[in-house]
Amino acid sequence: MNIGQASDATGLPAKTIRYYEDIKLVKPDRAANGYRDYRDADIHRLAFVQRSRSLGFTIEECRLLLSLYDDKARASSDVKALATEKIKEIDRKVKELKSLRSTLKQLADHCHGDGRPDCPIINDIAGLPEVLTS
């Protein structure tokens, strides 16, 4: 199938599919006319990468997952270790986002949000001392 059909089959934009080919995540055959010819296996790999990316894995982690997928003698512990490390990373990000939210909420709660120019949000971003007024 051509790249448009591959795009339809996977839901990935053609540009992304070309990028994945450029970085060697997929290696479609070439037809006699030079056009890419995606096989079912290529579509499956593209879907695999798309799902991995949706779970937060980086391109390099996707490359590792693909190599583990291709290795029928792999140890599932290798896959689990990668997933467990990703979970720890997500937990760190969630904690950081909660902290950012708390800080921003506190700043927003102290902002009058009226026509006056003084604003604790701007002051904090600018690194100015906090001046709380009622």
N, C-alpha and C. Protein backbone atom coordinates (compact mmCIF):
# COMPACT_ATOMS: atom_id res chain seq x y z
N MET A 1 0.84 -1.18 0.00
CA MET A 1 0.00 0.00 0.00
C MET A 1 0.89 1.24 0.00
N ASN A 2 0.36 2.34 -0.50
CA ASN A 2 1.14 3.57 -0.56
C ASN A 2 1.06 4.32 0.77
N ILE A 3 1.76 5.44 0.85
CA ILE A 3 1.84 6.16 2.12
C ILE A 3 0.49 6.72 2.55
N GLY A 4 -0.34 7.13 1.58
CA GLY A 4 -1.67 7.62 1.92
C GLY A 4 -2.53 6.54 2.54
N GLN A 5 -2.44 5.34 1.99
CA GLN A 5 -3.18 4.21 2.55
C GLN A 5 -2.63 3.83 3.92
N ALA A 6 -1.30 3.90 4.05
CA ALA A 6 -0.68 3.59 5.34
C ALA A 6 -1.14 4.62 6.38
N SER A 7 -1.23 5.87 5.96
CA SER A 7 -1.70 6.93 6.84
C SER A 7 -3.14 6.66 7.28
N ASP A 8 -3.98 6.28 6.33
CA ASP A 8 -5.37 5.97 6.65
C ASP A 8 -5.47 4.76 7.59
N ALA A 9 -4.63 3.77 7.36
CA ALA A 9 -4.68 2.54 8.16
C ALA A 9 -4.20 2.76 9.59
N THR A 10 -3.26 3.68 9.78
CA THR A 10 -2.68 3.88 11.11
C THR A 10 -3.19 5.13 11.82
N GLY A 11 -3.73 6.07 11.06
CA GLY A 11 -4.13 7.34 11.65
C GLY A 11 -2.97 8.30 11.84
N LEU A 12 -1.79 7.91 11.35
CA LEU A 12 -0.61 8.77 11.44
C LEU A 12 -0.52 9.65 10.20
N PRO A 13 -0.12 10.90 10.36
CA PRO A 13 0.09 11.74 9.18
C PRO A 13 1.23 11.18 8.31
N ALA A 14 1.14 11.39 7.02
CA ALA A 14 2.19 10.92 6.11
C ALA A 14 3.55 11.48 6.50
N LYS A 15 3.57 12.72 6.96
CA LYS A 15 4.83 13.34 7.38
C LYS A 15 5.48 12.56 8.53
N THR A 16 4.67 12.11 9.47
CA THR A 16 5.18 11.32 10.59
C THR A 16 5.70 9.97 10.10
N ILE A 17 4.98 9.36 9.19
CA ILE A 17 5.41 8.08 8.64
C ILE A 17 6.75 8.24 7.93
N ARG A 18 6.90 9.31 7.16
CA ARG A 18 8.18 9.57 6.48
C ARG A 18 9.30 9.77 7.50
N TYR A 19 8.99 10.48 8.57
CA TYR A 19 9.97 10.70 9.64
C TYR A 19 10.39 9.37 10.26
N TYR A 20 9.42 8.52 10.56
CA TYR A 20 9.74 7.22 11.14
C TYR A 20 10.60 6.39 10.18
N GLU A 21 10.39 6.57 8.90
CA GLU A 21 11.25 5.89 7.92
C GLU A 21 12.65 6.50 7.95
N ASP A 22 12.73 7.83 7.97
CA ASP A 22 14.03 8.51 8.00
C ASP A 22 14.88 8.07 9.18
N ILE A 23 14.24 7.85 10.33
CA ILE A 23 15.01 7.44 11.52
C ILE A 23 15.04 5.92 11.69
N LYS A 24 14.60 5.24 10.64
CA LYS A 24 14.73 3.78 10.53
C LYS A 24 13.89 2.98 11.52
N LEU A 25 12.74 3.52 11.91
CA LEU A 25 11.82 2.72 12.72
C LEU A 25 11.03 1.77 11.84
N VAL A 26 10.78 2.19 10.60
CA VAL A 26 10.16 1.32 9.60
C VAL A 26 10.99 1.41 8.33
N LYS A 27 10.98 0.33 7.59
CA LYS A 27 11.75 0.26 6.34
C LYS A 27 10.87 -0.33 5.25
N PRO A 28 9.99 0.50 4.69
CA PRO A 28 9.11 -0.04 3.65
C PRO A 28 9.88 -0.39 2.39
N ASP A 29 9.34 -1.33 1.66
CA ASP A 29 9.91 -1.66 0.35
C ASP A 29 9.66 -0.47 -0.58
N ARG A 30 10.36 -0.49 -1.70
CA ARG A 30 10.12 0.51 -2.74
C ARG A 30 9.60 -0.20 -3.97
N ALA A 31 8.55 0.34 -4.55
CA ALA A 31 7.99 -0.21 -5.79
C ALA A 31 8.92 0.16 -6.94
N ALA A 32 8.69 -0.41 -8.08
CA ALA A 32 9.52 -0.16 -9.26
C ALA A 32 9.57 1.33 -9.61
N ASN A 33 8.49 2.04 -9.32
CA ASN A 33 8.44 3.48 -9.61
C ASN A 33 9.11 4.32 -8.52
N GLY A 34 9.65 3.68 -7.48
CA GLY A 34 10.35 4.39 -6.41
C GLY A 34 9.47 4.77 -5.23
N TYR A 35 8.17 4.57 -5.36
CA TYR A 35 7.27 4.91 -4.27
C TYR A 35 7.37 3.89 -3.14
N ARG A 36 7.10 4.35 -1.94
CA ARG A 36 7.09 3.46 -0.79
C ARG A 36 5.95 2.44 -0.96
N ASP A 37 6.23 1.23 -0.51
CA ASP A 37 5.23 0.17 -0.57
C ASP A 37 5.15 -0.47 0.81
N TYR A 38 4.13 -0.08 1.57
CA TYR A 38 3.99 -0.54 2.94
C TYR A 38 3.27 -1.88 2.98
N ARG A 39 3.91 -2.83 3.67
CA ARG A 39 3.32 -4.16 3.86
C ARG A 39 2.54 -4.16 5.17
N ASP A 40 1.81 -5.22 5.41
CA ASP A 40 1.07 -5.35 6.66
C ASP A 40 2.01 -5.24 7.87
N ALA A 41 3.20 -5.83 7.75
CA ALA A 41 4.16 -5.77 8.85
C ALA A 41 4.58 -4.33 9.14
N ASP A 42 4.72 -3.52 8.10
CA ASP A 42 5.08 -2.11 8.29
C ASP A 42 3.95 -1.36 9.01
N ILE A 43 2.73 -1.65 8.61
CA ILE A 43 1.55 -1.02 9.23
C ILE A 43 1.50 -1.40 10.70
N HIS A 44 1.78 -2.67 10.99
CA HIS A 44 1.79 -3.13 12.37
C HIS A 44 2.86 -2.40 13.18
N ARG A 45 4.06 -2.25 12.61
CA ARG A 45 5.15 -1.54 13.29
C ARG A 45 4.78 -0.08 13.53
N LEU A 46 4.16 0.55 12.55
CA LEU A 46 3.74 1.94 12.71
C LEU A 46 2.71 2.06 13.83
N ALA A 47 1.77 1.14 13.88
CA ALA A 47 0.76 1.14 14.94
C ALA A 47 1.42 0.88 16.30
N PHE A 48 2.41 0.01 16.32
CA PHE A 48 3.15 -0.29 17.55
C PHE A 48 3.84 0.97 18.06
N VAL A 49 4.50 1.68 17.16
CA VAL A 49 5.19 2.92 17.55
C VAL A 49 4.18 3.96 18.01
N GLN A 50 3.07 4.08 17.28
CA GLN A 50 2.05 5.05 17.65
C GLN A 50 1.51 4.76 19.06
N ARG A 51 1.24 3.52 19.35
CA ARG A 51 0.74 3.14 20.68
C ARG A 51 1.80 3.40 21.74
N SER A 52 3.05 3.07 21.44
CA SER A 52 4.15 3.30 22.38
C SER A 52 4.29 4.79 22.68
N ARG A 53 4.21 5.60 21.63
CA ARG A 53 4.32 7.05 21.80
C ARG A 53 3.15 7.57 22.64
N SER A 54 1.96 7.02 22.43
CA SER A 54 0.79 7.47 23.20
C SER A 54 0.92 7.11 24.68
N LEU A 55 1.74 6.12 24.99
CA LEU A 55 2.01 5.73 26.38
C LEU A 55 3.17 6.52 26.97
N GLY A 56 3.72 7.45 26.19
CA GLY A 56 4.76 8.34 26.71
C GLY A 56 6.18 7.92 26.42
N PHE A 57 6.38 6.85 25.66
CA PHE A 57 7.73 6.41 25.36
C PHE A 57 8.37 7.34 24.32
N THR A 58 9.65 7.60 24.51
CA THR A 58 10.41 8.42 23.57
C THR A 58 10.70 7.61 22.31
N ILE A 59 11.20 8.28 21.30
CA ILE A 59 11.57 7.58 20.07
C ILE A 59 12.61 6.50 20.36
N GLU A 60 13.61 6.83 21.16
CA GLU A 60 14.64 5.83 21.46
C GLU A 60 14.07 4.66 22.27
N GLU A 61 13.16 4.95 23.16
CA GLU A 61 12.50 3.87 23.90
C GLU A 61 11.64 3.02 22.96
N CYS A 62 11.00 3.66 21.99
CA CYS A 62 10.23 2.91 20.98
C CYS A 62 11.15 2.00 20.19
N ARG A 63 12.32 2.51 19.86
CA ARG A 63 13.30 1.70 19.12
C ARG A 63 13.67 0.46 19.94
N LEU A 64 13.87 0.66 21.25
CA LEU A 64 14.20 -0.46 22.14
C LEU A 64 13.02 -1.43 22.24
N LEU A 65 11.81 -0.89 22.38
CA LEU A 65 10.63 -1.75 22.43
C LEU A 65 10.47 -2.56 21.15
N LEU A 66 10.71 -1.92 20.02
CA LEU A 66 10.63 -2.64 18.74
C LEU A 66 11.66 -3.76 18.68
N SER A 67 12.86 -3.49 19.18
CA SER A 67 13.89 -4.54 19.15
C SER A 67 13.50 -5.69 20.08
N LEU A 68 12.87 -5.36 21.21
CA LEU A 68 12.40 -6.41 22.11
C LEU A 68 11.24 -7.17 21.47
N TYR A 69 10.37 -6.45 20.77
CA TYR A 69 9.25 -7.08 20.08
C TYR A 69 9.76 -8.06 19.02
N ASP A 70 10.79 -7.64 18.30
CA ASP A 70 11.35 -8.48 17.23
C ASP A 70 12.12 -9.68 17.77
N ASP A 71 12.61 -9.58 19.01
CA ASP A 71 13.41 -10.64 19.62
C ASP A 71 12.48 -11.65 20.30
N LYS A 72 12.21 -12.73 19.64
CA LYS A 72 11.28 -13.73 20.19
C LYS A 72 11.88 -14.46 21.40
N ALA A 73 13.18 -14.30 21.64
CA ALA A 73 13.82 -14.91 22.80
C ALA A 73 13.98 -13.91 23.94
N ARG A 74 13.32 -12.77 23.83
CA ARG A 74 13.45 -11.71 24.85
C ARG A 74 12.95 -12.21 26.20
N ALA A 75 13.44 -11.56 27.22
CA ALA A 75 12.93 -11.82 28.57
C ALA A 75 11.87 -10.76 28.86
N SER A 76 10.73 -11.18 29.32
CA SER A 76 9.67 -10.21 29.62
C SER A 76 10.12 -9.24 30.72
N SER A 77 11.10 -9.66 31.52
CA SER A 77 11.62 -8.77 32.56
C SER A 77 12.26 -7.52 31.96
N ASP A 78 12.83 -7.65 30.75
CA ASP A 78 13.42 -6.49 30.08
C ASP A 78 12.33 -5.48 29.70
N VAL A 79 11.22 -6.00 29.23
CA VAL A 79 10.10 -5.14 28.84
C VAL A 79 9.50 -4.50 30.09
N LYS A 80 9.33 -5.30 31.13
CA LYS A 80 8.76 -4.78 32.38
C LYS A 80 9.65 -3.72 32.98
N ALA A 81 10.95 -3.90 32.92
CA ALA A 81 11.88 -2.91 33.48
C ALA A 81 11.72 -1.57 32.76
N LEU A 82 11.57 -1.62 31.46
CA LEU A 82 11.38 -0.39 30.68
C LEU A 82 10.06 0.28 31.06
N ALA A 83 9.00 -0.50 31.19
CA ALA A 83 7.70 0.04 31.56
C ALA A 83 7.73 0.60 32.99
N THR A 84 8.39 -0.09 33.89
CA THR A 84 8.49 0.37 35.28
C THR A 84 9.25 1.69 35.37
N GLU A 85 10.31 1.81 34.60
CA GLU A 85 11.07 3.06 34.57
C GLU A 85 10.21 4.19 34.03
N LYS A 86 9.40 3.91 33.02
CA LYS A 86 8.50 4.93 32.45
C LYS A 86 7.47 5.34 33.49
N ILE A 87 6.96 4.40 34.27
CA ILE A 87 5.99 4.72 35.33
C ILE A 87 6.62 5.66 36.35
N LYS A 88 7.86 5.39 36.74
CA LYS A 88 8.55 6.27 37.69
C LYS A 88 8.71 7.68 37.11
N GLU A 89 9.04 7.76 35.84
CA GLU A 89 9.18 9.06 35.18
C GLU A 89 7.84 9.80 35.16
N ILE A 90 6.77 9.09 34.86
CA ILE A 90 5.44 9.71 34.85
C ILE A 90 5.06 10.18 36.25
N ASP A 91 5.36 9.38 37.26
CA ASP A 91 5.07 9.77 38.64
C ASP A 91 5.82 11.05 39.01
N ARG A 92 7.09 11.16 38.58
CA ARG A 92 7.87 12.39 38.84
C ARG A 92 7.22 13.59 38.16
N LYS A 93 6.78 13.39 36.92
CA LYS A 93 6.14 14.49 36.18
C LYS A 93 4.82 14.89 36.83
N VAL A 94 4.03 13.92 37.28
CA VAL A 94 2.76 14.22 37.94
C VAL A 94 3.02 15.03 39.20
N LYS A 95 4.01 14.64 39.98
CA LYS A 95 4.35 15.36 41.21
C LYS A 95 4.77 16.80 40.87
N GLU A 96 5.58 16.95 39.84
CA GLU A 96 6.02 18.27 39.42
C GLU A 96 4.84 19.12 38.95
N LEU A 97 3.94 18.53 38.17
CA LEU A 97 2.77 19.27 37.69
C LEU A 97 1.85 19.68 38.84
N LYS A 98 1.70 18.81 39.83
CA LYS A 98 0.87 19.16 40.99
C LYS A 98 1.48 20.34 41.74
N SER A 99 2.79 20.35 41.87
CA SER A 99 3.48 21.45 42.53
C SER A 99 3.32 22.74 41.74
N LEU A 100 3.47 22.65 40.42
CA LEU A 100 3.28 23.83 39.57
C LEU A 100 1.85 24.35 39.69
N ARG A 101 0.89 23.44 39.69
CA ARG A 101 -0.50 23.84 39.80
C ARG A 101 -0.75 24.55 41.12
N SER A 102 -0.21 24.00 42.19
CA SER A 102 -0.40 24.58 43.52
C SER A 102 0.18 26.00 43.57
N THR A 103 1.37 26.17 43.04
CA THR A 103 2.00 27.49 43.02
C THR A 103 1.19 28.48 42.20
N LEU A 104 0.79 28.07 41.02
CA LEU A 104 0.02 28.96 40.16
C LEU A 104 -1.35 29.28 40.77
N LYS A 105 -1.98 28.30 41.42
CA LYS A 105 -3.27 28.52 42.07
C LYS A 105 -3.12 29.54 43.19
N GLN A 106 -2.05 29.41 43.97
CA GLN A 106 -1.81 30.36 45.07
C GLN A 106 -1.61 31.77 44.51
N LEU A 107 -0.86 31.88 43.45
CA LEU A 107 -0.65 33.19 42.83
C LEU A 107 -1.96 33.76 42.29
N ALA A 108 -2.75 32.92 41.62
CA ALA A 108 -4.03 33.37 41.07
C ALA A 108 -4.99 33.78 42.18
N ASP A 109 -4.97 33.04 43.29
CA ASP A 109 -5.84 33.37 44.42
C ASP A 109 -5.50 34.73 45.01
N HIS A 110 -4.23 35.15 44.93
CA HIS A 110 -3.79 36.43 45.49
C HIS A 110 -3.90 37.59 44.49
N CYS A 111 -4.28 37.29 43.29
CA CYS A 111 -4.41 38.34 42.28
C CYS A 111 -5.84 38.88 42.32
N HIS A 112 -5.97 40.20 42.35
CA HIS A 112 -7.29 40.81 42.41
C HIS A 112 -8.06 40.61 41.11
N GLY A 113 -7.34 40.55 40.00
CA GLY A 113 -8.01 40.34 38.72
C GLY A 113 -8.91 41.50 38.34
N ASP A 114 -8.51 42.70 38.73
CA ASP A 114 -9.32 43.87 38.41
C ASP A 114 -8.54 44.81 37.49
N GLY A 115 -8.88 46.04 37.48
CA GLY A 115 -8.24 47.01 36.58
C GLY A 115 -6.93 47.58 37.08
N ARG A 116 -6.54 47.22 38.30
CA ARG A 116 -5.28 47.75 38.85
C ARG A 116 -4.08 47.05 38.21
N PRO A 117 -2.95 47.76 38.12
CA PRO A 117 -1.78 47.17 37.47
C PRO A 117 -1.00 46.18 38.34
N ASP A 118 -1.13 46.29 39.67
CA ASP A 118 -0.35 45.38 40.52
C ASP A 118 -0.90 43.96 40.39
N CYS A 119 0.04 43.01 40.23
CA CYS A 119 -0.37 41.63 40.00
C CYS A 119 0.69 40.69 40.57
N PRO A 120 0.34 39.90 41.58
CA PRO A 120 1.31 38.98 42.17
C PRO A 120 1.80 37.91 41.18
N ILE A 121 1.00 37.59 40.19
CA ILE A 121 1.43 36.59 39.20
C ILE A 121 2.61 37.15 38.40
N ILE A 122 2.44 38.37 37.86
CA ILE A 122 3.51 39.01 37.10
C ILE A 122 4.72 39.24 37.98
N ASN A 123 4.50 39.69 39.21
CA ASN A 123 5.62 39.94 40.12
C ASN A 123 6.43 38.67 40.38
N ASP A 124 5.73 37.56 40.58
CA ASP A 124 6.42 36.29 40.82
C ASP A 124 7.22 35.85 39.60
N ILE A 125 6.59 35.94 38.43
CA ILE A 125 7.28 35.54 37.19
C ILE A 125 8.52 36.42 36.97
N ALA A 126 8.38 37.71 37.30
CA ALA A 126 9.50 38.66 37.13
C ALA A 126 10.53 38.54 38.24
N GLY A 127 10.22 37.76 39.29
CA GLY A 127 11.17 37.59 40.39
C GLY A 127 11.15 38.76 41.35
N LEU A 128 10.07 39.53 41.36
CA LEU A 128 9.94 40.66 42.25
C LEU A 128 9.38 40.20 43.59
N PRO A 129 9.66 40.95 44.65
CA PRO A 129 9.13 40.55 45.96
C PRO A 129 7.60 40.57 45.95
N GLU A 130 7.04 39.64 46.70
CA GLU A 130 5.59 39.52 46.76
C GLU A 130 5.03 40.64 47.64
N VAL A 131 4.06 41.34 47.11
CA VAL A 131 3.37 42.38 47.86
C VAL A 131 1.90 42.00 47.84
N LEU A 132 1.45 41.45 48.97
CA LEU A 132 0.06 41.02 49.05
C LEU A 132 -0.76 42.17 49.64
N THR A 133 -1.82 42.49 48.93
CA THR A 133 -2.76 43.49 49.43
C THR A 133 -4.14 42.88 49.43
N SER A 134 -4.98 43.38 50.30
CA SER A 134 -6.32 42.82 50.36
C SER A 134 -7.27 43.49 49.42
